[in-house]
Amino acid sequence: MFNIVTLTPSIRKNHLLIFKFNVMKKLFTLFTAFVSWLAFANQASAAEITFTVEVPTPTYEVWLVGNFNGWNNGITKMNKVDDTHYTITLDEATFNDGITAATLKYKYLSGPGDWAYVEKNENGGEISDRDYPGAGVTDVVKKWATVYNPNVAPIEKDILIEVYVPKAVKELYVTGWHNGWKSPGSEGTKMTWNEEMSDEGGNEFFLTIHTPDANKTAYKFAAGPSWVYEQDSADLKITDTSADKVYNFMPKFKRIYPGEAALKDVTINVTAPAGTESVYMMGSHFGWDGTSWQAGTKNQDGTFTFVFKFDLIEYKYYNKQDWTGEEKTADGKGVENRKADAQLAVTFNDVIAAWPAPSGVPTLDTDKYTVRVANKTVSVDGITSKFELYDLTGRTIQSVSTVGSFTSTTLNAGVYILRVDGATQKVMIR
C-alpha cells in the first residue's frame, strides 16, 4: 500500500522551480557541449596543407606565393630540408576567404618581394600557376628566372650590350628588367649599328644600359619597334655580373621589321554594335601604352574606318579611351588580340560582337589620382582608403587599406585591373 502525500501550494511551487532549474541546467550543459564540439569540428575541418618542393642548385631560399596569401610574394618563406628540398605546412584556416586545397593556385620563388625570382620551365619560359597536387607529392622547380642570394648585395652599374644578328635585321632594340620592360621602340631602347663589326653574314648592334641590380637583370631583343618583332626565345640574363659588357648571338626573331620605307597603307573597316558612338584602337604599334588611343572615322552607315601605315600589328577595339571599354565576344567574354599583316593584305574587315555591359563602377579619375607604371610595378598617389589590384580572371593580386601613396609588388607582364577607393582602370605591365 502506498502513502498518499498531499502537497501544499507553496511546496508545489518550490518543487516546480527546482524542476525548471534542473532542466535549464541540463540544457545549458548540452548547449556548452555543442558549442565546444562545433568549435572543434571547425578546427578539424581546417586542414593542414603541406607543400614540398625540389629545387635546382644553387638555391638559398624558397618563397611560396599564391591566391591563399593574396599573391603577396614576400610573406611566406619555406623551411629548408637540404640543399635541394624545402617544405612548409600551412593551416587552411589562415587562407584568404574562399580558398581551399581544391582551389589553390601558387608558384615558387627563389627570393622575396620580386617576380624577378619566379620559377620558370626548363627553357626559361613562363609556367602556369600550379594546382595543389595533394599530400605526399613533391613539386619540382626546373629553373629560376633569377637565383636570389641573400649574401650578395645589389650591383648597380652600366653594362655594354653587344649582339650579332641576321643580316636582314636593319633595326634592333633591347628592353628588360632594367627599364621596366618598356615596349621596343620606346625611348632608350634602340641600339646602334656597328658598321665596323658587321659583315656579309650578319649585323652587330650595341647599347649601354644602366641597371639598378645586375643580379636581377633580364632582357630581350626585338628586330623592330614593337613587341611583334621580339626574339623567338626566352629572356636573356647577365651571367657574369662583374663584367662591364656582354656579347650575344641572336639568330631568330618572331618577325623582322622591313623598315619604314616598306610600310604599307592599310584600311581596316569595322562593323560595331548598333548605337556605337566611337571606336578606338590600341595595340602593339602604340606599345599597348594605354594613352595613344587611335580613333576610327565614323561613316554614314554606322561603320568605322581606320587608315594608317604599318607592317604587322596586334590590337583590340574599345568604345572609350580606357581599358574598361574593351570589346567582348557575343557571350560577354574577353577576346584574343586581333592581328593584321600588311604583307598578306591591305584591307581588313572586322566585326565587334559586343561591348562590355555598364558595371556602375566609376572609372579612376586621373585628375584626382596619379598612376605610374615602371619597373613592373604600379604606383598610385592620392589614395584615401584602399588600393586593390586584380588580374583579368578576377584573382586578387594585392589589397591594402592605406592613405596617400602606394606601390605594388613586382608584377609579371600582362594586363591588370587597378581599383583605388572603389574606382577602376586597367594597367598594362610589360
Foldseek 3Di string as FASTA:
>chain_A
DDDDDDDDPVRVVVVVVVVVVVVVVVVVVVVVVVVVVVVVVVQVVQDKDKAKAFEDPQFDWKFKAWLQVLRQFADGTWDDPDRGMTMDIDGSVSGDPPDDLQRIWIFMFSDGQAQLRTAAPLQQHHDGTDRRPDPPDYHYGNGTSFHDDPVDDFDWDKAKEKEWEAAQQPWKFKAWLQWLRFFAVDPPTTWAWDPVPADPGTTMTMDIGTHRGLRSTWMWMASDRWPQRTAPGHIHHDPDSVDRYDYYYGYGTNDHANDPVPWDKAKEKEAEPPPQDWKWKAWRVVRSQLPPIHTFPADPVGITMDIDTDAKIWMFMASDSFPQRTFAALVRHHDDTDMDGVVVDRYHYYYGNGTHDDDPFAADDCVQKPWDRTSQKIKIFRADFKKWKAAPVRRTNDIDTDGGMDMDGRHDFDKMWIAGPRHIGIGGRD
